[in-house]
PDB file of N, CA and C in Angstrom:
ATOM      1  N   MET A   1      68.405 150.468 -25.996  1.00  0.00           N
ATOM      2  CA  MET A   1      68.684 150.150 -27.386  1.00  0.00           C
ATOM      3  C   MET A   1      67.577 149.237 -27.918  1.00  0.00           C
ATOM      4  N   VAL A   2      67.128 149.486 -29.127  1.00  0.00           N
ATOM      5  CA  VAL A   2      66.036 148.739 -29.742  1.00  0.00           C
ATOM      6  C   VAL A   2      66.604 147.519 -30.449  1.00  0.00           C
ATOM      7  N   ASN A   3      65.940 146.389 -30.208  1.00  0.00           N
ATOM      8  CA  ASN A   3      66.349 145.148 -30.850  1.00  0.00           C
ATOM      9  C   ASN A   3      65.657 145.068 -32.210  1.00  0.00           C
ATOM     10  N   THR A   4      66.382 145.398 -33.283  1.00  0.00           N
ATOM     11  CA  THR A   4      65.776 145.447 -34.617  1.00  0.00           C
ATOM     12  C   THR A   4      65.399 144.074 -35.147  1.00  0.00           C
ATOM     13  N   SER A   5      66.115 143.033 -34.768  1.00  0.00           N
ATOM     14  CA  SER A   5      65.779 141.688 -35.259  1.00  0.00           C
ATOM     15  C   SER A   5      64.434 141.231 -34.706  1.00  0.00           C
ATOM     16  N   ALA A   6      64.099 141.612 -33.471  1.00  0.00           N
ATOM     17  CA  ALA A   6      62.796 141.253 -32.902  1.00  0.00           C
ATOM     18  C   ALA A   6      61.671 141.992 -33.627  1.00  0.00           C
ATOM     19  N   ILE A   7      61.926 143.245 -34.011  1.00  0.00           N
ATOM     20  CA  ILE A   7      60.918 144.016 -34.741  1.00  0.00           C
ATOM     21  C   ILE A   7      60.689 143.405 -36.126  1.00  0.00           C
ATOM     22  N   ILE A   8      61.756 143.036 -36.795  1.00  0.00           N
ATOM     23  CA  ILE A   8      61.639 142.422 -38.122  1.00  0.00           C
ATOM     24  C   ILE A   8      60.893 141.098 -38.036  1.00  0.00           C
ATOM     25  N   GLU A   9      61.198 140.276 -37.024  1.00  0.00           N
ATOM     26  CA  GLU A   9      60.496 139.000 -36.856  1.00  0.00           C
ATOM     27  C   GLU A   9      59.018 139.226 -36.558  1.00  0.00           C
ATOM     28  N   GLN A  10      58.696 140.227 -35.753  1.00  0.00           N
ATOM     29  CA  GLN A  10      57.316 140.515 -35.424  1.00  0.00           C
ATOM     30  C   GLN A  10      56.541 140.971 -36.661  1.00  0.00           C
ATOM     31  N   GLN A  11      57.136 141.768 -37.511  1.00  0.00           N
ATOM     32  CA  GLN A  11      56.472 142.245 -38.710  1.00  0.00           C
ATOM     33  C   GLN A  11      56.295 141.137 -39.739  1.00  0.00           C
ATOM     34  N   SER A  12      57.215 140.197 -39.808  1.00  0.00           N
ATOM     35  CA  SER A  12      57.119 139.137 -40.809  1.00  0.00           C
ATOM     36  C   SER A  12      56.075 138.091 -40.444  1.00  0.00           C
ATOM     37  N   ASP A  13      55.578 138.081 -39.210  1.00  0.00           N
ATOM     38  CA  ASP A  13      54.548 137.130 -38.799  1.00  0.00           C
ATOM     39  C   ASP A  13      53.173 137.506 -39.339  1.00  0.00           C
ATOM     40  N   ARG A  14      52.995 138.730 -39.734  1.00  0.00           N
ATOM     41  CA  ARG A  14      51.702 139.186 -40.238  1.00  0.00           C
ATOM     42  C   ARG A  14      51.527 138.795 -41.695  1.00  0.00           C
ATOM     43  N   VAL A  15      50.313 138.401 -42.033  1.00  0.00           N
ATOM     44  CA  VAL A  15      49.991 138.045 -43.411  1.00  0.00           C
ATOM     45  C   VAL A  15      49.421 139.288 -44.093  1.00  0.00           C
ATOM     46  N   PRO A  16      49.919 139.622 -45.300  1.00  0.00           N
ATOM     47  CA  PRO A  16      49.422 140.823 -45.985  1.00  0.00           C
ATOM     48  C   PRO A  16      47.939 140.721 -46.350  1.00  0.00           C
ATOM     49  N   LEU A  17      47.300 141.865 -46.443  1.00  0.00           N
ATOM     50  CA  LEU A  17      45.879 141.931 -46.777  1.00  0.00           C
ATOM     51  C   LEU A  17      45.604 141.334 -48.147  1.00  0.00           C
ATOM     52  N   LYS A  18      46.508 141.539 -49.112  1.00  0.00           N
ATOM     53  CA  LYS A  18      46.316 140.983 -50.451  1.00  0.00           C
ATOM     54  C   LYS A  18      46.235 139.457 -50.412  1.00  0.00           C
ATOM     55  N   THR A  19      46.998 138.848 -49.535  1.00  0.00           N
ATOM     56  CA  THR A  19      46.961 137.390 -49.404  1.00  0.00           C
ATOM     57  C   THR A  19      45.606 136.938 -48.883  1.00  0.00           C
ATOM     58  N   TRP A  20      45.090 137.644 -47.874  1.00  0.00           N
ATOM     59  CA  TRP A  20      43.773 137.286 -47.332  1.00  0.00           C
ATOM     60  C   TRP A  20      42.670 137.488 -48.367  1.00  0.00           C
ATOM     61  N   ILE A  21      42.777 138.528 -49.159  1.00  0.00           N
ATOM     62  CA  ILE A  21      41.785 138.755 -50.213  1.00  0.00           C
ATOM     63  C   ILE A  21      41.831 137.616 -51.219  1.00  0.00           C
ATOM     64  N   GLY A  22      43.018 137.168 -51.565  1.00  0.00           N
ATOM     65  CA  GLY A  22      43.163 136.041 -52.477  1.00  0.00           C
ATOM     66  C   GLY A  22      42.595 134.755 -51.910  1.00  0.00           C
ATOM     67  N   VAL A  23      42.839 134.513 -50.629  1.00  0.00           N
ATOM     68  CA  VAL A  23      42.311 133.307 -49.970  1.00  0.00           C
ATOM     69  C   VAL A  23      40.784 133.352 -49.930  1.00  0.00           C
ATOM     70  N   MET A  24      40.235 134.495 -49.569  1.00  0.00           N
ATOM     71  CA  MET A  24      38.773 134.619 -49.510  1.00  0.00           C
ATOM     72  C   MET A  24      38.146 134.481 -50.900  1.00  0.00           C
ATOM     73  N   GLY A  25      38.806 135.015 -51.918  1.00  0.00           N
ATOM     74  CA  GLY A  25      38.320 134.857 -53.282  1.00  0.00           C
ATOM     75  C   GLY A  25      38.326 133.402 -53.722  1.00  0.00           C
ATOM     76  N   THR A  26      39.365 132.670 -53.334  1.00  0.00           N
ATOM     77  CA  THR A  26      39.448 131.245 -53.662  1.00  0.00           C
ATOM     78  C   THR A  26      38.353 130.461 -52.958  1.00  0.00           C
ATOM     79  N   ILE A  27      38.133 130.749 -51.691  1.00  0.00           N
ATOM     80  CA  ILE A  27      37.079 130.059 -50.934  1.00  0.00           C
ATOM     81  C   ILE A  27      35.710 130.368 -51.539  1.00  0.00           C
ATOM     82  N   LEU A  28      35.479 131.626 -51.879  1.00  0.00           N
ATOM     83  CA  LEU A  28      34.210 132.003 -52.495  1.00  0.00           C
ATOM     84  C   LEU A  28      34.020 131.308 -53.843  1.00  0.00           C
ATOM     85  N   GLY A  29      35.074 131.235 -54.636  1.00  0.00           N
ATOM     86  CA  GLY A  29      34.999 130.553 -55.925  1.00  0.00           C
ATOM     87  C   GLY A  29      34.689 129.070 -55.776  1.00  0.00           C
ATOM     88  N   ALA A  30      35.309 128.420 -54.799  1.00  0.00           N
ATOM     89  CA  ALA A  30      35.036 126.999 -54.555  1.00  0.00           C
ATOM     90  C   ALA A  30      33.595 126.798 -54.094  1.00  0.00           C
ATOM     91  N   PHE A  31      33.112 127.691 -53.239  1.00  0.00           N
ATOM     92  CA  PHE A  31      31.728 127.598 -52.783  1.00  0.00           C
ATOM     93  C   PHE A  31      30.755 127.782 -53.943  1.00  0.00           C
ATOM     94  N   MET A  32      31.046 128.738 -54.816  1.00  0.00           N
ATOM     95  CA  MET A  32      30.168 128.985 -55.962  1.00  0.00           C
ATOM     96  C   MET A  32      30.156 127.796 -56.918  1.00  0.00           C
ATOM     97  N   ALA A  33      31.300 127.113 -57.074  1.00  0.00           N
ATOM     98  CA  ALA A  33      31.347 125.937 -57.945  1.00  0.00           C
ATOM     99  C   ALA A  33      30.470 124.821 -57.388  1.00  0.00           C
ATOM    100  N   VAL A  34      30.549 124.599 -56.076  1.00  0.00           N
ATOM    101  CA  VAL A  34      29.709 123.562 -55.441  1.00  0.00           C
ATOM    102  C   VAL A  34      28.243 123.944 -55.538  1.00  0.00           C
ATOM    103  N   LEU A  35      27.939 125.201 -55.314  1.00  0.00           N
ATOM    104  CA  LEU A  35      26.559 125.673 -55.417  1.00  0.00           C
ATOM    105  C   LEU A  35      26.028 125.495 -56.835  1.00  0.00           C
ATOM    106  N   ASP A  36      26.859 125.763 -57.826  1.00  0.00           N
ATOM    107  CA  ASP A  36      26.474 125.594 -59.226  1.00  0.00           C
ATOM    108  C   ASP A  36      26.138 124.128 -59.521  1.00  0.00           C
ATOM    109  N   ILE A  37      26.952 123.226 -59.012  1.00  0.00           N
ATOM    110  CA  ILE A  37      26.701 121.791 -59.214  1.00  0.00           C
ATOM    111  C   ILE A  37      25.386 121.383 -58.570  1.00  0.00           C
ATOM    112  N   GLN A  38      25.146 121.851 -57.363  1.00  0.00           N
ATOM    113  CA  GLN A  38      23.925 121.480 -56.642  1.00  0.00           C
ATOM    114  C   GLN A  38      22.677 122.001 -57.344  1.00  0.00           C
ATOM    115  N   ILE A  39      22.731 123.221 -57.827  1.00  0.00           N
ATOM    116  CA  ILE A  39      21.574 123.791 -58.525  1.00  0.00           C
ATOM    117  C   ILE A  39      21.304 123.035 -59.816  1.00  0.00           C
ATOM    118  N   THR A  40      22.361 122.715 -60.543  1.00  0.00           N
ATOM    119  CA  THR A  40      22.197 121.969 -61.790  1.00  0.00           C
ATOM    120  C   THR A  40      21.613 120.591 -61.518  1.00  0.00           C
ATOM    121  N   ASN A  41      22.137 119.888 -60.528  1.00  0.00           N
ATOM    122  CA  ASN A  41      21.640 118.549 -60.210  1.00  0.00           C
ATOM    123  C   ASN A  41      20.190 118.584 -59.719  1.00  0.00           C
ATOM    124  N   ALA A  42      19.840 119.619 -58.982  1.00  0.00           N
ATOM    125  CA  ALA A  42      18.471 119.701 -58.465  1.00  0.00           C
ATOM    126  C   ALA A  42      17.464 119.990 -59.580  1.00  0.00           C
ATOM    127  N   SER A  43      17.902 120.631 -60.631  1.00  0.00           N
ATOM    128  CA  SER A  43      16.963 121.000 -61.692  1.00  0.00           C
ATOM    129  C   SER A  43      17.018 120.076 -62.910  1.00  0.00           C
ATOM    130  N   LEU A  44      17.773 118.986 -62.846  1.00  0.00           N
ATOM    131  CA  LEU A  44      17.895 118.092 -63.997  1.00  0.00           C
ATOM    132  C   LEU A  44      16.553 117.485 -64.414  1.00  0.00           C
ATOM    133  N   LYS A  45      15.720 117.132 -63.453  1.00  0.00           N
ATOM    134  CA  LYS A  45      14.414 116.540 -63.797  1.00  0.00           C
ATOM    135  C   LYS A  45      13.534 117.540 -64.537  1.00  0.00           C
ATOM    136  N   ASP A  46      13.548 118.792 -64.097  1.00  0.00           N
ATOM    137  CA  ASP A  46      12.759 119.822 -64.782  1.00  0.00           C
ATOM    138  C   ASP A  46      13.285 120.089 -66.191  1.00  0.00           C
ATOM    139  N   ILE A  47      14.600 120.107 -66.316  1.00  0.00           N
ATOM    140  CA  ILE A  47      15.200 120.313 -67.643  1.00  0.00           C
ATOM    141  C   ILE A  47      14.859 119.141 -68.548  1.00  0.00           C
ATOM    142  N   GLN A  48      14.929 117.922 -67.995  1.00  0.00           N
ATOM    143  CA  GLN A  48      14.606 116.726 -68.773  1.00  0.00           C
ATOM    144  C   GLN A  48      13.161 116.763 -69.259  1.00  0.00           C
ATOM    145  N   ALA A  49      12.245 117.164 -68.401  1.00  0.00           N
ATOM    146  CA  ALA A  49      10.834 117.231 -68.787  1.00  0.00           C
ATOM    147  C   ALA A  49      10.600 118.324 -69.835  1.00  0.00           C
ATOM    148  N   ALA A  50      11.278 119.459 -69.687  1.00  0.00           N
ATOM    149  CA  ALA A  50      11.085 120.559 -70.635  1.00  0.00           C
ATOM    150  C   ALA A  50      11.632 120.228 -72.015  1.00  0.00           C
ATOM    151  N   LEU A  51      12.731 119.476 -72.068  1.00  0.00           N
ATOM    152  CA  LEU A  51      13.354 119.157 -73.349  1.00  0.00           C
ATOM    153  C   LEU A  51      12.891 117.820 -73.928  1.00  0.00           C
ATOM    154  N   SER A  52      12.190 117.035 -73.129  1.00  0.00           N
ATOM    155  CA  SER A  52      11.702 115.712 -73.544  1.00  0.00           C
ATOM    156  C   SER A  52      12.833 114.811 -74.041  1.00  0.00           C
ATOM    157  N   VAL A  53      13.851 114.669 -73.224  1.00  0.00           N
ATOM    158  CA  VAL A  53      14.976 113.798 -73.569  1.00  0.00           C
ATOM    159  C   VAL A  53      15.156 112.750 -72.485  1.00  0.00           C
ATOM    160  N   VAL A  54      15.921 111.695 -72.801  1.00  0.00           N
ATOM    161  CA  VAL A  54      16.171 110.625 -71.828  1.00  0.00           C
ATOM    162  C   VAL A  54      17.206 111.081 -70.804  1.00  0.00           C
ATOM    163  N   ARG A  55      17.247 110.366 -69.696  1.00  0.00           N
ATOM    164  CA  ARG A  55      18.107 110.750 -68.569  1.00  0.00           C
ATOM    165  C   ARG A  55      19.594 110.814 -68.936  1.00  0.00           C
ATOM    166  N   SER A  56      20.065 109.878 -69.750  1.00  0.00           N
ATOM    167  CA  SER A  56      21.495 109.875 -70.094  1.00  0.00           C
ATOM    168  C   SER A  56      21.875 111.109 -70.911  1.00  0.00           C
ATOM    169  N   HIS A  57      20.994 111.554 -71.778  1.00  0.00           N
ATOM    170  CA  HIS A  57      21.298 112.744 -72.574  1.00  0.00           C
ATOM    171  C   HIS A  57      21.303 114.004 -71.712  1.00  0.00           C
ATOM    172  N   ILE A  58      20.388 114.094 -70.792  1.00  0.00           N
ATOM    173  CA  ILE A  58      20.334 115.287 -69.939  1.00  0.00           C
ATOM    174  C   ILE A  58      21.546 115.332 -69.011  1.00  0.00           C
ATOM    175  N   ARG A  59      22.036 114.170 -68.600  1.00  0.00           N
ATOM    176  CA  ARG A  59      23.228 114.121 -67.762  1.00  0.00           C
ATOM    177  C   ARG A  59      24.443 114.626 -68.536  1.00  0.00           C
ATOM    178  N   LYS A  60      24.528 114.257 -69.807  1.00  0.00           N
ATOM    179  CA  LYS A  60      25.631 114.736 -70.638  1.00  0.00           C
ATOM    180  C   LYS A  60      25.559 116.250 -70.809  1.00  0.00           C
ATOM    181  N   ILE A  61      24.352 116.762 -70.986  1.00  0.00           N
ATOM    182  CA  ILE A  61      24.180 118.212 -71.114  1.00  0.00           C
ATOM    183  C   ILE A  61      24.621 118.911 -69.835  1.00  0.00           C
ATOM    184  N   GLY A  62      24.220 118.373 -68.682  1.00  0.00           N
ATOM    185  CA  GLY A  62      24.610 118.963 -67.402  1.00  0.00           C
ATOM    186  C   GLY A  62      26.104 118.931 -67.185  1.00  0.00           C
ATOM    187  N   ASP A  63      26.743 117.809 -67.538  1.00  0.00           N
ATOM    188  CA  ASP A  63      28.190 117.702 -67.368  1.00  0.00           C
ATOM    189  C   ASP A  63      28.929 118.684 -68.266  1.00  0.00           C
ATOM    190  N   ARG A  64      28.490 118.785 -69.511  1.00  0.00           N
ATOM    191  CA  ARG A  64      29.167 119.691 -70.441  1.00  0.00           C
ATOM    192  C   ARG A  64      28.944 121.151 -70.060  1.00  0.00           C
ATOM    193  N   THR A  65      27.768 121.460 -69.585  1.00  0.00           N
ATOM    194  CA  THR A  65      27.496 122.828 -69.147  1.00  0.00           C
ATOM    195  C   THR A  65      28.396 123.192 -67.972  1.00  0.00           C
ATOM    196  N   PHE A  66      28.537 122.278 -67.021  1.00  0.00           N
ATOM    197  CA  PHE A  66      29.396 122.520 -65.869  1.00  0.00           C
ATOM    198  C   PHE A  66      30.844 122.707 -66.313  1.00  0.00           C
ATOM    199  N   LEU A  67      31.316 121.844 -67.199  1.00  0.00           N
ATOM    200  CA  LEU A  67      32.701 121.951 -67.657  1.00  0.00           C
ATOM    201  C   LEU A  67      32.953 123.259 -68.402  1.00  0.00           C
ATOM    202  N   LEU A  68      32.006 123.678 -69.223  1.00  0.00           N
ATOM    203  CA  LEU A  68      32.166 124.947 -69.923  1.00  0.00           C
ATOM    204  C   LEU A  68      32.187 126.126 -68.953  1.00  0.00           C
ATOM    205  N   GLY A  69      31.349 126.056 -67.918  1.00  0.00           N
ATOM    206  CA  GLY A  69      31.353 127.105 -66.901  1.00  0.00           C
ATOM    207  C   GLY A  69      32.670 127.172 -66.155  1.00  0.00           C
ATOM    208  N   GLN A  70      33.214 126.011 -65.801  1.00  0.00           N
ATOM    209  CA  GLN A  70      34.498 125.974 -65.108  1.00  0.00           C
ATOM    210  C   GLN A  70      35.627 126.467 -66.004  1.00  0.00           C
ATOM    211  N   LEU A  71      35.557 126.120 -67.285  1.00  0.00           N
ATOM    212  CA  LEU A  71      36.573 126.577 -68.227  1.00  0.00           C
ATOM    213  C   LEU A  71      36.529 128.100 -68.368  1.00  0.00           C
ATOM    214  N   ALA A  72      35.337 128.659 -68.428  1.00  0.00           N
ATOM    215  CA  ALA A  72      35.210 130.120 -68.519  1.00  0.00           C
ATOM    216  C   ALA A  72      35.780 130.803 -67.279  1.00  0.00           C
ATOM    217  N   LYS A  73      35.522 130.234 -66.110  1.00  0.00           N
ATOM    218  CA  LYS A  73      36.070 130.803 -64.872  1.00  0.00           C
ATOM    219  C   LYS A  73      37.586 130.713 -64.866  1.00  0.00           C
ATOM    220  N   ALA A  74      38.122 129.573 -65.307  1.00  0.00           N
ATOM    221  CA  ALA A  74      39.576 129.399 -65.320  1.00  0.00           C
ATOM    222  C   ALA A  74      40.241 130.392 -66.271  1.00  0.00           C
ATOM    223  N   ILE A  75      39.635 130.624 -67.417  1.00  0.00           N
ATOM    224  CA  ILE A  75      40.194 131.579 -68.367  1.00  0.00           C
ATOM    225  C   ILE A  75      40.171 132.992 -67.782  1.00  0.00           C
ATOM    226  N   ALA A  76      39.079 133.339 -67.129  1.00  0.00           N
ATOM    227  CA  ALA A  76      38.976 134.681 -66.535  1.00  0.00           C
ATOM    228  C   ALA A  76      40.007 134.872 -65.429  1.00  0.00           C
ATOM    229  N   VAL A  77      40.162 133.878 -64.569  1.00  0.00           N
ATOM    230  CA  VAL A  77      41.115 133.986 -63.465  1.00  0.00           C
ATOM    231  C   VAL A  77      42.544 134.019 -63.991  1.00  0.00           C
ATOM    232  N   SER A  78      42.855 133.152 -64.958  1.00  0.00           N
ATOM    233  CA  SER A  78      44.227 133.132 -65.472  1.00  0.00           C
ATOM    234  C   SER A  78      44.559 134.437 -66.184  1.00  0.00           C
ATOM    235  N   GLY A  79      43.589 135.027 -66.858  1.00  0.00           N
ATOM    236  CA  GLY A  79      43.829 136.316 -67.494  1.00  0.00           C
ATOM    237  C   GLY A  79      44.109 137.407 -66.483  1.00  0.00           C
ATOM    238  N   LYS A  80      43.364 137.416 -65.398  1.00  0.00           N
ATOM    239  CA  LYS A  80      43.591 138.420 -64.359  1.00  0.00           C
ATOM    240  C   LYS A  80      44.936 138.210 -63.681  1.00  0.00           C
ATOM    241  N   LEU A  81      45.301 136.942 -63.444  1.00  0.00           N
ATOM    242  CA  LEU A  81      46.603 136.663 -62.836  1.00  0.00           C
ATOM    243  C   LEU A  81      47.739 137.089 -63.763  1.00  0.00           C
ATOM    244  N   LEU A  82      47.582 136.838 -65.050  1.00  0.00           N
ATOM    245  CA  LEU A  82      48.599 137.237 -66.003  1.00  0.00           C
ATOM    246  C   LEU A  82      48.780 138.755 -66.001  1.00  0.00           C
ATOM    247  N   LEU A  83      47.678 139.492 -65.995  1.00  0.00           N
ATOM    248  CA  LEU A  83      47.770 140.949 -65.944  1.00  0.00           C
ATOM    249  C   LEU A  83      48.431 141.423 -64.657  1.00  0.00           C
ATOM    250  N   TYR A  84      48.110 140.783 -63.548  1.00  0.00           N
ATOM    251  CA  TYR A  84      48.703 141.158 -62.262  1.00  0.00           C
ATOM    252  C   TYR A  84      50.217 140.960 -62.295  1.00  0.00           C
ATOM    253  N   PHE A  85      50.662 139.805 -62.805  1.00  0.00           N
ATOM    254  CA  PHE A  85      52.094 139.536 -62.836  1.00  0.00           C
ATOM    255  C   PHE A  85      52.818 140.431 -63.845  1.00  0.00           C
ATOM    256  N   LEU A  86      52.178 140.727 -64.962  1.00  0.00           N
ATOM    257  CA  LEU A  86      52.811 141.622 -65.922  1.00  0.00           C
ATOM    258  C   LEU A  86      52.957 143.032 -65.353  1.00  0.00           C
ATOM    259  N   ARG A  87      51.949 143.466 -64.614  1.00  0.00           N
ATOM    260  CA  ARG A  87      52.035 144.810 -64.003  1.00  0.00           C
ATOM    261  C   ARG A  87      53.135 144.855 -62.948  1.00  0.00           C
ATOM    262  N   SER A  88      53.317 143.750 -62.221  1.00  0.00           N
ATOM    263  CA  SER A  88      54.332 143.751 -61.175  1.00  0.00           C
ATOM    264  C   SER A  88      55.742 143.704 -61.759  1.00  0.00           C
ATOM    265  N   LEU A  89      55.875 143.195 -62.989  1.00  0.00           N
ATOM    266  CA  LEU A  89      57.196 143.149 -63.612  1.00  0.00           C
ATOM    267  C   LEU A  89      57.616 144.498 -64.165  1.00  0.00           C
ATOM    268  N   PHE A  90      56.653 145.276 -64.635  1.00  0.00           N
ATOM    269  CA  PHE A  90      57.007 146.536 -65.289  1.00  0.00           C
ATOM    270  C   PHE A  90      56.591 147.682 -64.468  1.00  0.00           C
TER     271      PHE A  90
END
């Protein structure tokens, strides 16, 4: 006789592929955000020289650019999540 409760417990231990894809996407997004910050910080001196502005102004430009980029990513992700949940409801 087959023990069905053991089979159910064994199947529930596995993590679905969609979950792993979501985790990998989150890790990739976090890595890209850090990479974006590093590239911006490394090029601030060149940007400052090209625009002929003082250091405090270029820092404000870098901060605002980063925030706008993060806001755009958040809007894109939230829109995709909303579509995913709406599709699952209907």
